[in-house]
Amino acid sequence: MSVTAENERKQKQWYVLRVQTGREEYVRLGLEKRAKASGADDVIGRVLVPIEKVTQIRGGKKQVREQKLYPGYVMVELEMSEKAWFFVRETPGVGDFIGAEEKPIAMTDAEVGKMLGQNLKVDTEEPVIKVNFRVGDPVRIKDGTFVNYDGVVKQIMPDKGRVEVMVTIFGRQTPVDLEYWQVESI
């Protein structure tokens, strides 16, 4: 890396923008297009919407979908100045910078490392199966033979996309093997 590029990288810091939930990608594209068109791409660096891939199992089939880690927020790397602040604020869809008393606060190195690490993980790792309950949690069965029965999670099998629930049938605790989507927390 050249000395000029290294100095340029040191001057740019990461900031968090508040945007309307569901419009994060629209704002990201808008910022990138405006920066390129107006020649401000030397002031504005990367613009990210951190996501993770989540696997859901429905009807025995795995579905991979992307989920935003921070809905309603966009991260932008920029060299803070009055011009850059105004430029970003005037982009359609941008609410405001995160900070106190109208002064944007840059993300710490630890926060940036965590955010960039999670963003890189999206591309390199297997999707994660998202489960909203743990072993010992009370659940209700919402599909299948035992619909509307309540039980307690005994075992979670993420590799198979299944969960074992202890259900009381005729006064006896009985293990029932179900898919994740057939069970909801209560």
C-alpha atoms as a PDB file:
ATOM      1  CA  MET A   1       0.000   0.000   0.000  1.00  0.00           C
ATOM      2  CA  SER A   2       1.416   3.394  -0.946  1.00  0.00           C
ATOM      3  CA  VAL A   3       1.945   6.179   1.590  1.00  0.00           C
ATOM      4  CA  THR A   4      -0.813   8.262  -0.049  1.00  0.00           C
ATOM      5  CA  ALA A   5      -3.314   5.396   0.105  1.00  0.00           C
ATOM      6  CA  GLU A   6      -2.332   4.678   3.707  1.00  0.00           C
ATOM      7  CA  ASN A   7      -2.841   8.335   4.741  1.00  0.00           C
ATOM      8  CA  GLU A   8      -6.153   8.411   2.913  1.00  0.00           C
ATOM      9  CA  ARG A   9      -7.271   5.239   4.728  1.00  0.00           C
ATOM     10  CA  LYS A  10      -6.281   6.714   8.115  1.00  0.00           C
ATOM     11  CA  GLN A  11      -8.360   9.853   7.564  1.00  0.00           C
ATOM     12  CA  LYS A  12     -11.524   7.953   6.724  1.00  0.00           C
ATOM     13  CA  GLN A  13     -13.588   6.633   9.581  1.00  0.00           C
ATOM     14  CA  TRP A  14     -16.764   4.570   9.802  1.00  0.00           C
ATOM     15  CA  TYR A  15     -20.027   6.239  10.760  1.00  0.00           C
ATOM     16  CA  VAL A  16     -23.541   4.877  11.255  1.00  0.00           C
ATOM     17  CA  LEU A  17     -26.506   6.379   9.426  1.00  0.00           C
ATOM     18  CA  ARG A  18     -30.086   6.065  10.584  1.00  0.00           C
ATOM     19  CA  VAL A  19     -32.384   5.215   7.663  1.00  0.00           C
ATOM     20  CA  GLN A  20     -35.922   3.973   7.202  1.00  0.00           C
ATOM     21  CA  THR A  21     -36.167   0.230   7.897  1.00  0.00           C
ATOM     22  CA  GLY A  22     -36.416  -1.711   4.649  1.00  0.00           C
ATOM     23  CA  ARG A  23     -34.736   1.083   2.648  1.00  0.00           C
ATOM     24  CA  GLU A  24     -31.128   0.303   3.621  1.00  0.00           C
ATOM     25  CA  GLU A  25     -30.134  -1.051   0.196  1.00  0.00           C
ATOM     26  CA  TYR A  26     -31.825   1.894  -1.555  1.00  0.00           C
ATOM     27  CA  VAL A  27     -29.803   4.350   0.562  1.00  0.00           C
ATOM     28  CA  ARG A  28     -26.565   2.401  -0.020  1.00  0.00           C
ATOM     29  CA  LEU A  29     -27.030   2.481  -3.788  1.00  0.00           C
ATOM     30  CA  GLY A  30     -28.061   6.150  -3.696  1.00  0.00           C
ATOM     31  CA  LEU A  31     -24.953   7.166  -1.759  1.00  0.00           C
ATOM     32  CA  GLU A  32     -22.665   5.211  -4.084  1.00  0.00           C
ATOM     33  CA  LYS A  33     -24.273   6.656  -7.233  1.00  0.00           C
ATOM     34  CA  ARG A  34     -24.211  10.248  -5.953  1.00  0.00           C
ATOM     35  CA  ALA A  35     -20.574   9.938  -4.838  1.00  0.00           C
ATOM     36  CA  LYS A  36     -19.501   8.582  -8.216  1.00  0.00           C
ATOM     37  CA  ALA A  37     -21.523  11.134 -10.213  1.00  0.00           C
ATOM     38  CA  SER A  38     -20.332  14.157  -8.215  1.00  0.00           C
ATOM     39  CA  GLY A  39     -16.706  13.050  -7.855  1.00  0.00           C
ATOM     40  CA  ALA A  40     -16.985  12.749  -4.072  1.00  0.00           C
ATOM     41  CA  ASP A  41     -15.785   9.143  -4.089  1.00  0.00           C
ATOM     42  CA  ASP A  42     -12.424  10.352  -2.711  1.00  0.00           C
ATOM     43  CA  VAL A  43     -14.253  11.549   0.433  1.00  0.00           C
ATOM     44  CA  ILE A  44     -16.757   8.689   0.683  1.00  0.00           C
ATOM     45  CA  GLY A  45     -15.348   5.172   0.859  1.00  0.00           C
ATOM     46  CA  ARG A  46     -17.333   1.998   1.328  1.00  0.00           C
ATOM     47  CA  VAL A  47     -21.031   1.915   2.157  1.00  0.00           C
ATOM     48  CA  LEU A  48     -22.279  -1.292   3.808  1.00  0.00           C
ATOM     49  CA  VAL A  49     -25.502  -2.906   4.937  1.00  0.00           C
ATOM     50  CA  PRO A  50     -24.214  -5.816   7.094  1.00  0.00           C
ATOM     51  CA  ILE A  51     -26.157  -9.034   6.486  1.00  0.00           C
ATOM     52  CA  GLU A  52     -25.993 -12.671   7.473  1.00  0.00           C
ATOM     53  CA  LYS A  53     -27.296 -15.744   5.683  1.00  0.00           C
ATOM     54  CA  VAL A  54     -29.884 -17.671   7.664  1.00  0.00           C
ATOM     55  CA  THR A  55     -31.172 -21.144   6.868  1.00  0.00           C
ATOM     56  CA  GLN A  56     -34.797 -21.959   7.526  1.00  0.00           C
ATOM     57  CA  ILE A  57     -36.229 -25.441   7.189  1.00  0.00           C
ATOM     58  CA  ARG A  58     -39.815 -25.620   5.981  1.00  0.00           C
ATOM     59  CA  GLY A  59     -41.523 -28.784   4.861  1.00  0.00           C
ATOM     60  CA  GLY A  60     -38.227 -30.663   5.032  1.00  0.00           C
ATOM     61  CA  LYS A  61     -36.539 -28.277   2.576  1.00  0.00           C
ATOM     62  CA  LYS A  62     -33.755 -25.864   3.451  1.00  0.00           C
ATOM     63  CA  GLN A  63     -34.209 -22.271   2.383  1.00  0.00           C
ATOM     64  CA  VAL A  64     -31.336 -19.799   2.637  1.00  0.00           C
ATOM     65  CA  ARG A  65     -32.221 -16.140   2.973  1.00  0.00           C
ATOM     66  CA  GLU A  66     -30.335 -12.986   3.825  1.00  0.00           C
ATOM     67  CA  GLN A  67     -31.171 -11.106   7.008  1.00  0.00           C
ATOM     68  CA  LYS A  68     -29.984  -7.613   7.932  1.00  0.00           C
ATOM     69  CA  LEU A  69     -27.931  -7.525  11.116  1.00  0.00           C
ATOM     70  CA  TYR A  70     -28.904  -3.929  11.894  1.00  0.00           C
ATOM     71  CA  PRO A  71     -32.276  -3.058  10.334  1.00  0.00           C
ATOM     72  CA  GLY A  72     -32.659   0.691   9.882  1.00  0.00           C
ATOM     73  CA  TYR A  73     -28.918   1.427   9.793  1.00  0.00           C
ATOM     74  CA  VAL A  74     -26.271   1.814   7.080  1.00  0.00           C
ATOM     75  CA  MET A  75     -22.523   2.011   7.739  1.00  0.00           C
ATOM     76  CA  VAL A  76     -20.473   4.479   5.691  1.00  0.00           C
ATOM     77  CA  GLU A  77     -16.721   5.052   5.578  1.00  0.00           C
ATOM     78  CA  LEU A  78     -15.882   8.682   4.957  1.00  0.00           C
ATOM     79  CA  GLU A  79     -13.526  11.542   5.624  1.00  0.00           C
ATOM     80  CA  MET A  80     -15.647  13.752   7.870  1.00  0.00           C
ATOM     81  CA  SER A  81     -15.946  17.368   6.843  1.00  0.00           C
ATOM     82  CA  GLU A  82     -18.731  19.909   6.507  1.00  0.00           C
ATOM     83  CA  LYS A  83     -19.007  19.024   2.790  1.00  0.00           C
ATOM     84  CA  ALA A  84     -19.170  15.258   3.451  1.00  0.00           C
ATOM     85  CA  TRP A  85     -21.667  15.693   6.299  1.00  0.00           C
ATOM     86  CA  PHE A  86     -23.944  17.807   4.087  1.00  0.00           C
ATOM     87  CA  PHE A  87     -23.500  15.463   1.108  1.00  0.00           C
ATOM     88  CA  VAL A  88     -24.561  12.386   3.092  1.00  0.00           C
ATOM     89  CA  ARG A  89     -27.443  14.172   4.876  1.00  0.00           C
ATOM     90  CA  GLU A  90     -28.865  15.358   1.525  1.00  0.00           C
ATOM     91  CA  THR A  91     -28.975  11.819   0.094  1.00  0.00           C
ATOM     92  CA  PRO A  92     -32.602  10.652  -0.239  1.00  0.00           C
ATOM     93  CA  GLY A  93     -33.564   8.206   2.495  1.00  0.00           C
ATOM     94  CA  VAL A  94     -30.876   9.207   5.008  1.00  0.00           C
ATOM     95  CA  GLY A  95     -32.298  10.223   8.367  1.00  0.00           C
ATOM     96  CA  ASP A  96     -29.250  11.314  10.325  1.00  0.00           C
ATOM     97  CA  PHE A  97     -25.855  10.265  11.637  1.00  0.00           C
ATOM     98  CA  ILE A  98     -25.667   8.463  14.979  1.00  0.00           C
ATOM     99  CA  GLY A  99     -24.120  10.835  17.500  1.00  0.00           C
ATOM    100  CA  ALA A 100     -24.792  13.332  20.241  1.00  0.00           C
ATOM    101  CA  GLU A 101     -25.933  16.920  19.738  1.00  0.00           C
ATOM    102  CA  GLU A 102     -25.761  16.860  15.946  1.00  0.00           C
ATOM    103  CA  LYS A 103     -22.109  15.787  15.998  1.00  0.00           C
ATOM    104  CA  PRO A 104     -21.543  12.408  14.322  1.00  0.00           C
ATOM    105  CA  ILE A 105     -19.553   9.927  16.380  1.00  0.00           C
ATOM    106  CA  ALA A 106     -17.211   7.582  14.505  1.00  0.00           C
ATOM    107  CA  MET A 107     -17.366   3.862  15.223  1.00  0.00           C
ATOM    108  CA  THR A 108     -14.584   2.464  17.419  1.00  0.00           C
ATOM    109  CA  ASP A 109     -11.972   0.125  15.961  1.00  0.00           C
ATOM    110  CA  ALA A 110     -13.556  -2.782  17.873  1.00  0.00           C
ATOM    111  CA  GLU A 111     -16.997  -2.025  16.403  1.00  0.00           C
ATOM    112  CA  VAL A 112     -15.560  -1.717  12.897  1.00  0.00           C
ATOM    113  CA  GLY A 113     -13.669  -5.001  13.282  1.00  0.00           C
ATOM    114  CA  LYS A 114     -16.802  -6.767  14.490  1.00  0.00           C
ATOM    115  CA  MET A 115     -18.935  -5.312  11.675  1.00  0.00           C
ATOM    116  CA  LEU A 116     -16.408  -6.089   8.934  1.00  0.00           C
ATOM    117  CA  GLY A 117     -15.753  -9.526  10.425  1.00  0.00           C
ATOM    118  CA  GLN A 118     -19.465 -10.353  10.345  1.00  0.00           C
ATOM    119  CA  ASN A 119     -19.734  -9.001   6.822  1.00  0.00           C
ATOM    120  CA  LEU A 120     -16.827 -11.207   5.666  1.00  0.00           C
ATOM    121  CA  LYS A 121     -18.312 -14.211   7.467  1.00  0.00           C
ATOM    122  CA  VAL A 122     -21.386 -13.932   5.248  1.00  0.00           C
ATOM    123  CA  ASP A 123     -19.343 -14.814   2.172  1.00  0.00           C
ATOM    124  CA  THR A 124     -17.153 -17.538   3.661  1.00  0.00           C
ATOM    125  CA  GLU A 125     -19.223 -19.550   6.130  1.00  0.00           C
ATOM    126  CA  GLU A 126     -22.180 -21.900   5.899  1.00  0.00           C
ATOM    127  CA  PRO A 127     -25.553 -20.267   6.524  1.00  0.00           C
ATOM    128  CA  VAL A 128     -26.748 -20.447  10.127  1.00  0.00           C
ATOM    129  CA  ILE A 129     -30.073 -22.003  11.082  1.00  0.00           C
ATOM    130  CA  LYS A 130     -31.963 -19.419  13.117  1.00  0.00           C
ATOM    131  CA  VAL A 131     -33.745 -20.856  16.169  1.00  0.00           C
ATOM    132  CA  ASN A 132     -35.726 -18.666  18.568  1.00  0.00           C
ATOM    133  CA  PHE A 133     -35.705 -21.094  21.477  1.00  0.00           C
ATOM    134  CA  ARG A 134     -33.251 -23.112  23.604  1.00  0.00           C
ATOM    135  CA  VAL A 135     -33.248 -26.414  25.471  1.00  0.00           C
ATOM    136  CA  GLY A 136     -35.690 -26.156  28.384  1.00  0.00           C
ATOM    137  CA  ASP A 137     -37.886 -23.457  26.806  1.00  0.00           C
ATOM    138  CA  PRO A 138     -41.665 -23.961  26.741  1.00  0.00           C
ATOM    139  CA  VAL A 139     -43.031 -24.227  23.176  1.00  0.00           C
ATOM    140  CA  ARG A 140     -46.310 -24.802  21.361  1.00  0.00           C
ATOM    141  CA  ILE A 141     -46.592 -27.152  18.392  1.00  0.00           C
ATOM    142  CA  LYS A 142     -48.194 -25.250  15.513  1.00  0.00           C
ATOM    143  CA  ASP A 143     -48.304 -27.959  12.814  1.00  0.00           C
ATOM    144  CA  GLY A 144     -48.546 -31.718  12.487  1.00  0.00           C
ATOM    145  CA  THR A 145     -50.259 -34.464  14.472  1.00  0.00           C
ATOM    146  CA  PHE A 146     -49.770 -32.754  17.841  1.00  0.00           C
ATOM    147  CA  VAL A 147     -50.938 -29.266  16.787  1.00  0.00           C
ATOM    148  CA  ASN A 148     -51.761 -26.935  19.761  1.00  0.00           C
ATOM    149  CA  TYR A 149     -49.952 -29.192  22.274  1.00  0.00           C
ATOM    150  CA  ASP A 150     -47.555 -27.469  24.660  1.00  0.00           C
ATOM    151  CA  GLY A 151     -44.212 -28.975  25.565  1.00  0.00           C
ATOM    152  CA  VAL A 152     -40.631 -28.321  26.583  1.00  0.00           C
ATOM    153  CA  VAL A 153     -37.621 -28.431  24.243  1.00  0.00           C
ATOM    154  CA  LYS A 154     -35.468 -31.418  25.170  1.00  0.00           C
ATOM    155  CA  GLN A 155     -32.947 -31.416  22.314  1.00  0.00           C
ATOM    156  CA  ILE A 156     -32.064 -29.265  19.288  1.00  0.00           C
ATOM    157  CA  MET A 157     -30.482 -30.932  16.239  1.00  0.00           C
ATOM    158  CA  PRO A 158     -29.280 -28.077  13.976  1.00  0.00           C
ATOM    159  CA  ASP A 159     -27.622 -30.375  11.417  1.00  0.00           C
ATOM    160  CA  LYS A 160     -30.954 -32.131  10.757  1.00  0.00           C
ATOM    161  CA  GLY A 161     -33.156 -29.069  11.227  1.00  0.00           C
ATOM    162  CA  ARG A 162     -35.147 -30.854  13.898  1.00  0.00           C
ATOM    163  CA  VAL A 163     -36.080 -30.400  17.543  1.00  0.00           C
ATOM    164  CA  GLU A 164     -37.200 -32.927  20.154  1.00  0.00           C
ATOM    165  CA  VAL A 165     -40.034 -31.723  22.389  1.00  0.00           C
ATOM    166  CA  MET A 166     -41.361 -33.428  25.528  1.00  0.00           C
ATOM    167  CA  VAL A 167     -45.172 -33.415  25.358  1.00  0.00           C
ATOM    168  CA  THR A 168     -47.608 -34.731  27.975  1.00  0.00           C
ATOM    169  CA  ILE A 169     -49.929 -37.287  26.308  1.00  0.00           C
ATOM    170  CA  PHE A 170     -52.390 -39.193  28.521  1.00  0.00           C
ATOM    171  CA  GLY A 171     -50.494 -38.055  31.619  1.00  0.00           C
ATOM    172  CA  ARG A 172     -47.065 -39.272  30.405  1.00  0.00           C
ATOM    173  CA  GLN A 173     -44.081 -37.322  29.097  1.00  0.00           C
ATOM    174  CA  THR A 174     -43.494 -38.394  25.485  1.00  0.00           C
ATOM    175  CA  PRO A 175     -40.681 -37.188  23.191  1.00  0.00           C
ATOM    176  CA  VAL A 176     -41.914 -35.832  19.849  1.00  0.00           C
ATOM    177  CA  ASP A 177     -39.477 -35.228  16.964  1.00  0.00           C
ATOM    178  CA  LEU A 178     -40.431 -32.140  14.924  1.00  0.00           C
ATOM    179  CA  GLU A 179     -38.965 -29.670  12.430  1.00  0.00           C
ATOM    180  CA  TYR A 180     -38.014 -26.170  13.647  1.00  0.00           C
ATOM    181  CA  TRP A 181     -40.819 -24.445  11.810  1.00  0.00           C
ATOM    182  CA  GLN A 182     -43.458 -26.676  13.440  1.00  0.00           C
ATOM    183  CA  VAL A 183     -42.700 -25.203  16.884  1.00  0.00           C
ATOM    184  CA  GLU A 184     -43.059 -21.690  18.316  1.00  0.00           C
ATOM    185  CA  SER A 185     -41.986 -20.209  21.647  1.00  0.00           C
ATOM    186  CA  ILE A 186     -44.638 -19.318  24.215  1.00  0.00           C
END
